[in-house]
C-alpha cells in the first residue's frame, strides 16, 4: 500500500512540474583557436576566455554579438570565470613568471 501511495505522489508531482525549455547558442570569438564560457548575468552579458593563434589566453565579454577582449596590462595570460548582476567580473591573470600580478 505504501508503495502505491508513493508512486501516486511521484506521478502527481511530475504531472504538475513545469516544462523546462532551453536555448543553446554557439559562441566563437573570431580568430580564436578555442573559446570557453565562464558565466552569464541577468542582463545577458557573457564572460569567458579564448585562446589566440599564439596559444595565449584572453578574457572577453560578449554583449549581444559584440565581443570585447579584456587583458590585464601586466599579464601574459588571462581568464574570466564569473560576472554578477552589477557587471563585476571574476577572473585571473598571470605574468611571465606564472605569478598572478598585483591588481
PDB file of N, CA and C in Angstrom:
ATOM      1  N   UNK A   1       0.820  -1.189   0.000  1.00  0.00           N
ATOM      2  CA  UNK A   1       0.000   0.000   0.000  1.00  0.00           C
ATOM      3  C   UNK A   1       0.871   1.263   0.000  1.00  0.00           C
ATOM      4  N   UNK A   2       1.895   1.256   0.845  1.00  0.00           N
ATOM      5  CA  UNK A   2       2.790   2.414   0.920  1.00  0.00           C
ATOM      6  C   UNK A   2       3.449   2.675  -0.426  1.00  0.00           C
ATOM      7  N   UNK A   3       3.851   1.598  -1.113  1.00  0.00           N
ATOM      8  CA  UNK A   3       4.474   1.735  -2.431  1.00  0.00           C
ATOM      9  C   UNK A   3       3.524   2.371  -3.428  1.00  0.00           C
ATOM     10  N   UNK A   4       2.247   1.977  -3.409  1.00  0.00           N
ATOM     11  CA  UNK A   4       1.249   2.538  -4.309  1.00  0.00           C
ATOM     12  C   UNK A   4       1.078   4.036  -4.058  1.00  0.00           C
ATOM     13  N   UNK A   5       1.012   4.425  -2.786  1.00  0.00           N
ATOM     14  CA  UNK A   5       0.853   5.837  -2.433  1.00  0.00           C
ATOM     15  C   UNK A   5       2.067   6.634  -2.889  1.00  0.00           C
ATOM     16  N   UNK A   6       3.259   6.094  -2.698  1.00  0.00           N
ATOM     17  CA  UNK A   6       4.491   6.770  -3.108  1.00  0.00           C
ATOM     18  C   UNK A   6       4.524   6.969  -4.622  1.00  0.00           C
ATOM     19  N   UNK A   7       4.196   5.928  -5.374  1.00  0.00           N
ATOM     20  CA  UNK A   7       4.175   6.032  -6.840  1.00  0.00           C
ATOM     21  C   UNK A   7       3.144   7.060  -7.278  1.00  0.00           C
ATOM     22  N   UNK A   8       1.974   7.055  -6.653  1.00  0.00           N
ATOM     23  CA  UNK A   8       0.921   8.023  -6.990  1.00  0.00           C
ATOM     24  C   UNK A   8       1.388   9.451  -6.715  1.00  0.00           C
ATOM     25  N   UNK A   9       2.065   9.686  -5.584  1.00  0.00           N
ATOM     26  CA  UNK A   9       2.544  11.027  -5.230  1.00  0.00           C
ATOM     27  C   UNK A   9       3.612  11.504  -6.205  1.00  0.00           C
ATOM     28  N   UNK A  10       4.518  10.618  -6.589  1.00  0.00           N
ATOM     29  CA  UNK A  10       5.566  10.997  -7.545  1.00  0.00           C
ATOM     30  C   UNK A  10       4.950  11.340  -8.888  1.00  0.00           C
ATOM     31  N   UNK A  11       4.008  10.535  -9.342  1.00  0.00           N
ATOM     32  CA  UNK A  11       3.347  10.790 -10.623  1.00  0.00           C
ATOM     33  C   UNK A  11       2.574  12.101 -10.590  1.00  0.00           C
ATOM     34  N   UNK A  12       1.897  12.387  -9.490  1.00  0.00           N
ATOM     35  CA  UNK A  12       1.129  13.630  -9.373  1.00  0.00           C
ATOM     36  C   UNK A  12       2.050  14.838  -9.395  1.00  0.00           C
ATOM     37  N   UNK A  13       3.181  14.746  -8.712  1.00  0.00           N
ATOM     38  CA  UNK A  13       4.138  15.860  -8.704  1.00  0.00           C
ATOM     39  C   UNK A  13       4.778  16.047 -10.067  1.00  0.00           C
ATOM     40  N   UNK A  14       5.099  14.965 -10.757  1.00  0.00           N
ATOM     41  CA  UNK A  14       5.704  15.051 -12.084  1.00  0.00           C
ATOM     42  C   UNK A  14       4.745  15.691 -13.073  1.00  0.00           C
ATOM     43  N   UNK A  15       3.475  15.412 -12.962  1.00  0.00           N
ATOM     44  CA  UNK A  15       2.486  15.974 -13.875  1.00  0.00           C
ATOM     45  C   UNK A  15       2.351  17.478 -13.689  1.00  0.00           C
ATOM     46  N   UNK A  16       2.567  17.980 -12.476  1.00  0.00           N
ATOM     47  CA  UNK A  16       2.415  19.409 -12.231  1.00  0.00           C
ATOM     48  C   UNK A  16       3.728  20.184 -12.396  1.00  0.00           C
ATOM     49  N   UNK A  17       4.817  19.491 -12.686  1.00  0.00           N
ATOM     50  CA  UNK A  17       6.108  20.158 -12.861  1.00  0.00           C
ATOM     51  C   UNK A  17       6.097  20.972 -14.152  1.00  0.00           C
ATOM     52  N   UNK A  18       6.694  22.168 -14.137  1.00  0.00           N
ATOM     53  CA  UNK A  18       6.723  22.981 -15.354  1.00  0.00           C
ATOM     54  C   UNK A  18       7.638  22.356 -16.403  1.00  0.00           C
ATOM     55  N   UNK A  19       7.306  22.594 -17.654  1.00  0.00           N
ATOM     56  CA  UNK A  19       8.149  22.131 -18.751  1.00  0.00           C
ATOM     57  C   UNK A  19       9.315  23.099 -18.886  1.00  0.00           C
ATOM     58  N   UNK A  20      10.510  22.577 -18.844  1.00  0.00           N
ATOM     59  CA  UNK A  20      11.699  23.410 -18.982  1.00  0.00           C
ATOM     60  C   UNK A  20      12.097  23.475 -20.444  1.00  0.00           C
ATOM     61  N   UNK A  21      12.437  24.661 -20.893  1.00  0.00           N
ATOM     62  CA  UNK A  21      12.927  24.824 -22.261  1.00  0.00           C
ATOM     63  C   UNK A  21      14.273  25.537 -22.206  1.00  0.00           C
ATOM     64  N   UNK A  22      15.143  25.176 -23.098  1.00  0.00           N
ATOM     65  CA  UNK A  22      16.478  25.750 -23.151  1.00  0.00           C
ATOM     66  C   UNK A  22      16.785  26.183 -24.568  1.00  0.00           C
ATOM     67  N   UNK A  23      17.562  27.231 -24.677  1.00  0.00           N
ATOM     68  CA  UNK A  23      18.063  27.678 -25.971  1.00  0.00           C
ATOM     69  C   UNK A  23      19.575  27.607 -25.916  1.00  0.00           C
ATOM     70  N   UNK A  24      20.167  26.911 -26.856  1.00  0.00           N
ATOM     71  CA  UNK A  24      21.615  26.780 -26.917  1.00  0.00           C
ATOM     72  C   UNK A  24      22.149  27.657 -28.037  1.00  0.00           C
ATOM     73  N   UNK A  25      23.226  28.357 -27.744  1.00  0.00           N
ATOM     74  CA  UNK A  25      23.864  29.239 -28.715  1.00  0.00           C
ATOM     75  C   UNK A  25      25.349  28.931 -28.757  1.00  0.00           C
ATOM     76  N   UNK A  26      25.882  28.800 -29.945  1.00  0.00           N
ATOM     77  CA  UNK A  26      27.319  28.598 -30.105  1.00  0.00           C
ATOM     78  C   UNK A  26      28.008  29.955 -30.047  1.00  0.00           C
ATOM     79  N   UNK A  27      29.069  30.036 -29.237  1.00  0.00           N
ATOM     80  CA  UNK A  27      29.833  31.276 -29.117  1.00  0.00           C
ATOM     81  C   UNK A  27      31.248  31.004 -29.604  1.00  0.00           C
ATOM     82  N   UNK A  28      31.651  31.726 -30.626  1.00  0.00           N
ATOM     83  CA  UNK A  28      33.011  31.634 -31.151  1.00  0.00           C
ATOM     84  C   UNK A  28      33.584  33.038 -31.243  1.00  0.00           C
ATOM     85  N   UNK A  29      34.731  33.255 -30.626  1.00  0.00           N
ATOM     86  CA  UNK A  29      35.417  34.531 -30.756  1.00  0.00           C
ATOM     87  C   UNK A  29      36.179  34.488 -32.083  1.00  0.00           C
ATOM     88  N   UNK A  30      35.996  35.494 -32.945  1.00  0.00           N
ATOM     89  CA  UNK A  30      36.681  35.485 -34.243  1.00  0.00           C
ATOM     90  C   UNK A  30      38.198  35.336 -34.098  1.00  0.00           C
ATOM     91  N   UNK A  31      38.775  34.397 -34.838  1.00  0.00           N
ATOM     92  CA  UNK A  31      40.215  34.172 -34.826  1.00  0.00           C
ATOM     93  C   UNK A  31      40.722  33.302 -33.694  1.00  0.00           C
ATOM     94  N   UNK A  32      39.850  32.881 -32.789  1.00  0.00           N
ATOM     95  CA  UNK A  32      40.270  32.085 -31.635  1.00  0.00           C
ATOM     96  C   UNK A  32      40.411  30.611 -32.011  1.00  0.00           C
ATOM     97  N   UNK A  33      41.389  29.948 -31.374  1.00  0.00           N
ATOM     98  CA  UNK A  33      41.532  28.500 -31.538  1.00  0.00           C
ATOM     99  C   UNK A  33      40.503  27.762 -30.704  1.00  0.00           C
ATOM    100  N   UNK A  34      40.189  28.322 -29.521  1.00  0.00           N
ATOM    101  CA  UNK A  34      39.216  27.714 -28.611  1.00  0.00           C
ATOM    102  C   UNK A  34      38.552  28.820 -27.807  1.00  0.00           C
ATOM    103  N   UNK A  35      37.299  28.596 -27.448  1.00  0.00           N
ATOM    104  CA  UNK A  35      36.531  29.549 -26.649  1.00  0.00           C
ATOM    105  C   UNK A  35      35.860  28.795 -25.511  1.00  0.00           C
ATOM    106  N   UNK A  36      35.945  29.344 -24.294  1.00  0.00           N
ATOM    107  CA  UNK A  36      35.291  28.742 -23.132  1.00  0.00           C
ATOM    108  C   UNK A  36      34.478  29.818 -22.421  1.00  0.00           C
ATOM    109  N   UNK A  37      33.231  29.501 -22.105  1.00  0.00           N
ATOM    110  CA  UNK A  37      32.380  30.462 -21.411  1.00  0.00           C
ATOM    111  C   UNK A  37      32.499  30.259 -19.909  1.00  0.00           C
ATOM    112  N   UNK A  38      32.482  31.378 -19.179  1.00  0.00           N
ATOM    113  CA  UNK A  38      32.612  31.301 -17.734  1.00  0.00           C
ATOM    114  C   UNK A  38      31.322  31.592 -17.003  1.00  0.00           C
ATOM    115  N   UNK A  39      30.563  32.587 -17.455  1.00  0.00           N
ATOM    116  CA  UNK A  39      29.351  32.938 -16.754  1.00  0.00           C
ATOM    117  C   UNK A  39      28.500  33.893 -17.554  1.00  0.00           C
ATOM    118  N   UNK A  40      27.266  34.048 -17.089  1.00  0.00           N
ATOM    119  CA  UNK A  40      26.313  34.975 -17.699  1.00  0.00           C
ATOM    120  C   UNK A  40      25.515  35.610 -16.577  1.00  0.00           C
ATOM    121  N   UNK A  41      25.226  36.911 -16.714  1.00  0.00           N
ATOM    122  CA  UNK A  41      24.417  37.558 -15.684  1.00  0.00           C
ATOM    123  C   UNK A  41      22.987  37.758 -16.183  1.00  0.00           C
ATOM    124  N   UNK A  42      22.141  38.342 -15.339  1.00  0.00           N
ATOM    125  CA  UNK A  42      20.725  38.510 -15.688  1.00  0.00           C
ATOM    126  C   UNK A  42      20.520  39.431 -16.875  1.00  0.00           C
ATOM    127  N   UNK A  43      21.477  40.329 -17.142  1.00  0.00           N
ATOM    128  CA  UNK A  43      21.379  41.230 -18.290  1.00  0.00           C
ATOM    129  C   UNK A  43      21.790  40.540 -19.587  1.00  0.00           C
ATOM    130  N   UNK A  44      22.279  39.301 -19.488  1.00  0.00           N
ATOM    131  CA  UNK A  44      22.689  38.560 -20.679  1.00  0.00           C
ATOM    132  C   UNK A  44      24.129  38.773 -21.094  1.00  0.00           C
ATOM    133  N   UNK A  45      24.917  39.451 -20.253  1.00  0.00           N
ATOM    134  CA  UNK A  45      26.341  39.649 -20.550  1.00  0.00           C
ATOM    135  C   UNK A  45      27.077  38.349 -20.227  1.00  0.00           C
ATOM    136  N   UNK A  46      27.830  37.862 -21.192  1.00  0.00           N
ATOM    137  CA  UNK A  46      28.573  36.611 -21.037  1.00  0.00           C
ATOM    138  C   UNK A  46      30.052  36.937 -20.891  1.00  0.00           C
ATOM    139  N   UNK A  47      30.742  36.229 -19.992  1.00  0.00           N
ATOM    140  CA  UNK A  47      32.193  36.342 -19.884  1.00  0.00           C
ATOM    141  C   UNK A  47      32.809  34.977 -20.136  1.00  0.00           C
ATOM    142  N   UNK A  48      34.052  35.000 -20.558  1.00  0.00           N
ATOM    143  CA  UNK A  48      34.758  33.753 -20.800  1.00  0.00           C
ATOM    144  C   UNK A  48      36.195  34.032 -21.170  1.00  0.00           C
ATOM    145  N   UNK A  49      36.809  33.042 -21.765  1.00  0.00           N
ATOM    146  CA  UNK A  49      38.182  33.207 -22.217  1.00  0.00           C
ATOM    147  C   UNK A  49      38.342  32.519 -23.555  1.00  0.00           C
ATOM    148  N   UNK A  50      39.331  32.982 -24.306  1.00  0.00           N
ATOM    149  CA  UNK A  50      39.631  32.354 -25.583  1.00  0.00           C
ATOM    150  C   UNK A  50      41.140  32.236 -25.747  1.00  0.00           C
ATOM    151  N   UNK A  51      41.532  31.299 -26.583  1.00  0.00           N
ATOM    152  CA  UNK A  51      42.943  31.076 -26.884  1.00  0.00           C
ATOM    153  C   UNK A  51      43.216  31.629 -28.275  1.00  0.00           C
ATOM    154  N   UNK A  52      44.210  32.522 -28.365  1.00  0.00           N
ATOM    155  CA  UNK A  52      44.519  33.104 -29.668  1.00  0.00           C
ATOM    156  C   UNK A  52      45.442  32.179 -30.476  1.00  0.00           C
ATOM    157  N   UNK A  53      45.846  32.606 -31.653  1.00  0.00           N
ATOM    158  CA  UNK A  53      46.662  31.788 -32.559  1.00  0.00           C
ATOM    159  C   UNK A  53      48.046  31.470 -31.999  1.00  0.00           C
ATOM    160  N   UNK A  54      48.508  32.246 -31.000  1.00  0.00           N
ATOM    161  CA  UNK A  54      49.813  32.003 -30.364  1.00  0.00           C
ATOM    162  C   UNK A  54      49.683  31.159 -29.096  1.00  0.00           C
ATOM    163  N   UNK A  55      48.472  30.735 -28.759  1.00  0.00           N
ATOM    164  CA  UNK A  55      48.260  29.924 -27.563  1.00  0.00           C
ATOM    165  C   UNK A  55      48.090  30.728 -26.289  1.00  0.00           C
ATOM    166  N   UNK A  56      47.863  32.031 -26.401  1.00  0.00           N
ATOM    167  CA  UNK A  56      47.700  32.906 -25.246  1.00  0.00           C
ATOM    168  C   UNK A  56      46.215  33.008 -24.898  1.00  0.00           C
ATOM    169  N   UNK A  57      45.894  32.943 -23.597  1.00  0.00           N
ATOM    170  CA  UNK A  57      44.516  33.060 -23.141  1.00  0.00           C
ATOM    171  C   UNK A  57      44.155  34.517 -22.862  1.00  0.00           C
ATOM    172  N   UNK A  58      42.960  34.905 -23.264  1.00  0.00           N
ATOM    173  CA  UNK A  58      42.450  36.257 -23.068  1.00  0.00           C
ATOM    174  C   UNK A  58      41.032  36.180 -22.496  1.00  0.00           C
ATOM    175  N   UNK A  59      40.667  37.144 -21.647  1.00  0.00           N
ATOM    176  CA  UNK A  59      39.286  37.276 -21.180  1.00  0.00           C
ATOM    177  C   UNK A  59      38.482  38.015 -22.241  1.00  0.00           C
ATOM    178  N   UNK A  60      37.171  37.790 -22.212  1.00  0.00           N
ATOM    179  CA  UNK A  60      36.309  38.574 -23.080  1.00  0.00           C
ATOM    180  C   UNK A  60      34.924  38.708 -22.468  1.00  0.00           C
ATOM    181  N   UNK A  61      34.208  39.725 -22.920  1.00  0.00           N
ATOM    182  CA  UNK A  61      32.790  39.850 -22.637  1.00  0.00           C
ATOM    183  C   UNK A  61      32.060  39.775 -23.970  1.00  0.00           C
ATOM    184  N   UNK A  62      30.854  39.255 -23.920  1.00  0.00           N
ATOM    185  CA  UNK A  62      30.002  39.179 -25.102  1.00  0.00           C
ATOM    186  C   UNK A  62      28.678  39.814 -24.741  1.00  0.00           C
ATOM    187  N   UNK A  63      28.353  40.914 -25.413  1.00  0.00           N
ATOM    188  CA  UNK A  63      27.082  41.607 -25.214  1.00  0.00           C
ATOM    189  C   UNK A  63      26.393  41.617 -26.571  1.00  0.00           C
ATOM    190  N   UNK A  64      25.319  40.864 -26.675  1.00  0.00           N
ATOM    191  CA  UNK A  64      24.679  40.706 -27.982  1.00  0.00           C
ATOM    192  C   UNK A  64      25.624  39.947 -28.885  1.00  0.00           C
ATOM    193  N   UNK A  65      26.086  40.594 -29.950  1.00  0.00           N
ATOM    194  CA  UNK A  65      27.066  39.958 -30.842  1.00  0.00           C
ATOM    195  C   UNK A  65      28.432  40.641 -30.758  1.00  0.00           C
ATOM    196  N   UNK A  66      28.589  41.600 -29.818  1.00  0.00           N
ATOM    197  CA  UNK A  66      29.845  42.345 -29.695  1.00  0.00           C
ATOM    198  C   UNK A  66      30.769  41.689 -28.676  1.00  0.00           C
ATOM    199  N   UNK A  67      31.947  41.270 -29.141  1.00  0.00           N
ATOM    200  CA  UNK A  67      32.977  40.682 -28.287  1.00  0.00           C
ATOM    201  C   UNK A  67      33.982  41.769 -27.919  1.00  0.00           C
ATOM    202  N   UNK A  68      34.270  41.891 -26.624  1.00  0.00           N
ATOM    203  CA  UNK A  68      35.287  42.838 -26.153  1.00  0.00           C
ATOM    204  C   UNK A  68      36.335  42.061 -25.375  1.00  0.00           C
ATOM    205  N   UNK A  69      37.589  42.160 -25.814  1.00  0.00           N
ATOM    206  CA  UNK A  69      38.689  41.484 -25.130  1.00  0.00           C
ATOM    207  C   UNK A  69      39.090  42.278 -23.903  1.00  0.00           C
ATOM    208  N   UNK A  70      39.380  41.554 -22.810  1.00  0.00           N
ATOM    209  CA  UNK A  70      39.829  42.170 -21.564  1.00  0.00           C
ATOM    210  C   UNK A  70      41.176  41.557 -21.212  1.00  0.00           C
ATOM    211  N   UNK A  71      42.213  42.379 -21.139  1.00  0.00           N
ATOM    212  CA  UNK A  71      43.548  41.914 -20.763  1.00  0.00           C
ATOM    213  C   UNK A  71      44.086  42.768 -19.631  1.00  0.00           C
ATOM    214  N   UNK A  72      44.622  42.117 -18.604  1.00  0.00           N
ATOM    215  CA  UNK A  72      45.338  42.851 -17.571  1.00  0.00           C
ATOM    216  C   UNK A  72      46.626  43.360 -18.214  1.00  0.00           C
ATOM    217  N   UNK A  73      47.006  44.628 -17.988  1.00  0.00           N
ATOM    218  CA  UNK A  73      48.170  45.186 -18.689  1.00  0.00           C
ATOM    219  C   UNK A  73      49.506  44.509 -18.370  1.00  0.00           C
ATOM    220  N   UNK A  74      49.616  43.834 -17.216  1.00  0.00           N
ATOM    221  CA  UNK A  74      50.890  43.211 -16.852  1.00  0.00           C
ATOM    222  C   UNK A  74      50.853  41.686 -16.937  1.00  0.00           C
ATOM    223  N   UNK A  75      49.903  41.141 -17.648  1.00  0.00           N
ATOM    224  CA  UNK A  75      49.800  39.685 -17.693  1.00  0.00           C
ATOM    225  C   UNK A  75      50.118  39.137 -19.076  1.00  0.00           C
ATOM    226  N   UNK A  76      50.413  37.856 -19.096  1.00  0.00           N
ATOM    227  CA  UNK A  76      50.626  37.151 -20.361  1.00  0.00           C
ATOM    228  C   UNK A  76      49.508  36.135 -20.603  1.00  0.00           C
ATOM    229  N   UNK A  77      48.617  35.997 -19.631  1.00  0.00           N
ATOM    230  CA  UNK A  77      47.508  35.061 -19.741  1.00  0.00           C
ATOM    231  C   UNK A  77      46.392  35.503 -18.807  1.00  0.00           C
ATOM    232  N   UNK A  78      45.162  35.546 -19.315  1.00  0.00           N
ATOM    233  CA  UNK A  78      44.014  35.980 -18.527  1.00  0.00           C
ATOM    234  C   UNK A  78      42.900  34.944 -18.628  1.00  0.00           C
ATOM    235  N   UNK A  79      42.059  34.905 -17.614  1.00  0.00           N
ATOM    236  CA  UNK A  79      40.891  34.033 -17.642  1.00  0.00           C
ATOM    237  C   UNK A  79      39.753  34.653 -16.853  1.00  0.00           C
ATOM    238  N   UNK A  80      38.552  34.648 -17.406  1.00  0.00           N
ATOM    239  CA  UNK A  80      37.366  35.181 -16.726  1.00  0.00           C
ATOM    240  C   UNK A  80      36.397  34.042 -16.464  1.00  0.00           C
ATOM    241  N   UNK A  81      35.870  34.002 -15.230  1.00  0.00           N
ATOM    242  CA  UNK A  81      35.038  32.867 -14.855  1.00  0.00           C
ATOM    243  C   UNK A  81      33.615  33.228 -14.462  1.00  0.00           C
ATOM    244  N   UNK A  82      33.361  34.428 -13.959  1.00  0.00           N
ATOM    245  CA  UNK A  82      32.017  34.785 -13.497  1.00  0.00           C
ATOM    246  C   UNK A  82      31.757  36.272 -13.704  1.00  0.00           C
ATOM    247  N   UNK A  83      30.469  36.625 -13.737  1.00  0.00           N
ATOM    248  CA  UNK A  83      30.048  38.026 -13.783  1.00  0.00           C
ATOM    249  C   UNK A  83      28.774  38.139 -12.946  1.00  0.00           C
ATOM    250  N   UNK A  84      28.685  39.197 -12.138  1.00  0.00           N
ATOM    251  CA  UNK A  84      27.485  39.356 -11.313  1.00  0.00           C
ATOM    252  C   UNK A  84      26.526  40.344 -11.965  1.00  0.00           C
ATOM    253  N   UNK A  85      25.388  40.596 -11.314  1.00  0.00           N
ATOM    254  CA  UNK A  85      24.370  41.463 -11.897  1.00  0.00           C
ATOM    255  C   UNK A  85      24.828  42.916 -12.013  1.00  0.00           C
ATOM    256  N   UNK A  86      25.829  43.304 -11.214  1.00  0.00           N
ATOM    257  CA  UNK A  86      26.377  44.663 -11.299  1.00  0.00           C
ATOM    258  C   UNK A  86      27.445  44.782 -12.383  1.00  0.00           C
ATOM    259  N   UNK A  87      27.816  43.664 -13.007  1.00  0.00           N
ATOM    260  CA  UNK A  87      28.817  43.687 -14.061  1.00  0.00           C
ATOM    261  C   UNK A  87      30.236  43.459 -13.582  1.00  0.00           C
ATOM    262  N   UNK A  88      30.432  43.163 -12.285  1.00  0.00           N
ATOM    263  CA  UNK A  88      31.774  42.875 -11.774  1.00  0.00           C
ATOM    264  C   UNK A  88      32.187  41.492 -12.250  1.00  0.00           C
ATOM    265  N   UNK A  89      33.394  41.401 -12.784  1.00  0.00           N
ATOM    266  CA  UNK A  89      33.901  40.163 -13.373  1.00  0.00           C
ATOM    267  C   UNK A  89      34.946  39.543 -12.464  1.00  0.00           C
ATOM    268  N   UNK A  90      34.859  38.246 -12.278  1.00  0.00           N
ATOM    269  CA  UNK A  90      35.861  37.493 -11.527  1.00  0.00           C
ATOM    270  C   UNK A  90      36.752  36.802 -12.551  1.00  0.00           C
ATOM    271  N   UNK A  91      38.056  36.944 -12.352  1.00  0.00           N
ATOM    272  CA  UNK A  91      38.983  36.326 -13.286  1.00  0.00           C
ATOM    273  C   UNK A  91      40.359  36.180 -12.691  1.00  0.00           C
ATOM    274  N   UNK A  92      41.284  35.802 -13.544  1.00  0.00           N
ATOM    275  CA  UNK A  92      42.665  35.638 -13.114  1.00  0.00           C
ATOM    276  C   UNK A  92      43.587  36.155 -14.195  1.00  0.00           C
ATOM    277  N   UNK A  93      44.812  36.455 -13.790  1.00  0.00           N
ATOM    278  CA  UNK A  93      45.834  36.921 -14.716  1.00  0.00           C
ATOM    279  C   UNK A  93      47.176  36.411 -14.227  1.00  0.00           C
ATOM    280  N   UNK A  94      48.041  36.045 -15.162  1.00  0.00           N
ATOM    281  CA  UNK A  94      49.385  35.568 -14.806  1.00  0.00           C
ATOM    282  C   UNK A  94      50.428  36.362 -15.569  1.00  0.00           C
ATOM    283  N   UNK A  95      51.531  36.661 -14.855  1.00  0.00           N
ATOM    284  CA  UNK A  95      52.627  37.343 -15.525  1.00  0.00           C
ATOM    285  C   UNK A  95      53.552  36.309 -16.165  1.00  0.00           C
ATOM    286  N   UNK A  96      54.655  36.735 -16.743  1.00  0.00           N
ATOM    287  CA  UNK A  96      55.533  35.808 -17.470  1.00  0.00           C
ATOM    288  C   UNK A  96      56.174  34.771 -16.573  1.00  0.00           C
ATOM    289  N   UNK A  97      56.239  35.011 -15.247  1.00  0.00           N
ATOM    290  CA  UNK A  97      56.791  34.030 -14.313  1.00  0.00           C
ATOM    291  C   UNK A  97      55.712  33.071 -13.819  1.00  0.00           C
ATOM    292  N   UNK A  98      54.472  33.251 -14.285  1.00  0.00           N
ATOM    293  CA  UNK A  98      53.374  32.400 -13.857  1.00  0.00           C
ATOM    294  C   UNK A  98      52.761  32.833 -12.534  1.00  0.00           C
ATOM    295  N   UNK A  99      53.167  34.003 -12.046  1.00  0.00           N
ATOM    296  CA  UNK A  99      52.665  34.519 -10.775  1.00  0.00           C
ATOM    297  C   UNK A  99      51.586  35.544 -11.062  1.00  0.00           C
ATOM    298  N   UNK A 100      50.451  35.484 -10.402  1.00  0.00           N
ATOM    299  CA  UNK A 100      49.406  36.478 -10.631  1.00  0.00           C
ATOM    300  C   UNK A 100      49.925  37.887 -10.322  1.00  0.00           C
ATOM    301  N   UNK A 101      49.716  38.851 -11.231  1.00  0.00           N
ATOM    302  CA  UNK A 101      50.134  40.236 -10.965  1.00  0.00           C
ATOM    303  C   UNK A 101      49.263  40.872  -9.901  1.00  0.00           C
ATOM    304  N   UNK A 102      49.807  41.863  -9.234  1.00  0.00           N
ATOM    305  CA  UNK A 102      49.027  42.599  -8.232  1.00  0.00           C
ATOM    306  C   UNK A 102      48.000  43.442  -8.963  1.00  0.00           C
ATOM    307  N   UNK A 103      46.806  43.513  -8.396  1.00  0.00           N
ATOM    308  CA  UNK A 103      45.732  44.308  -9.017  1.00  0.00           C
ATOM    309  C   UNK A 103      45.442  45.525  -8.196  1.00  0.00           C
TER     310      UNK A 103
END
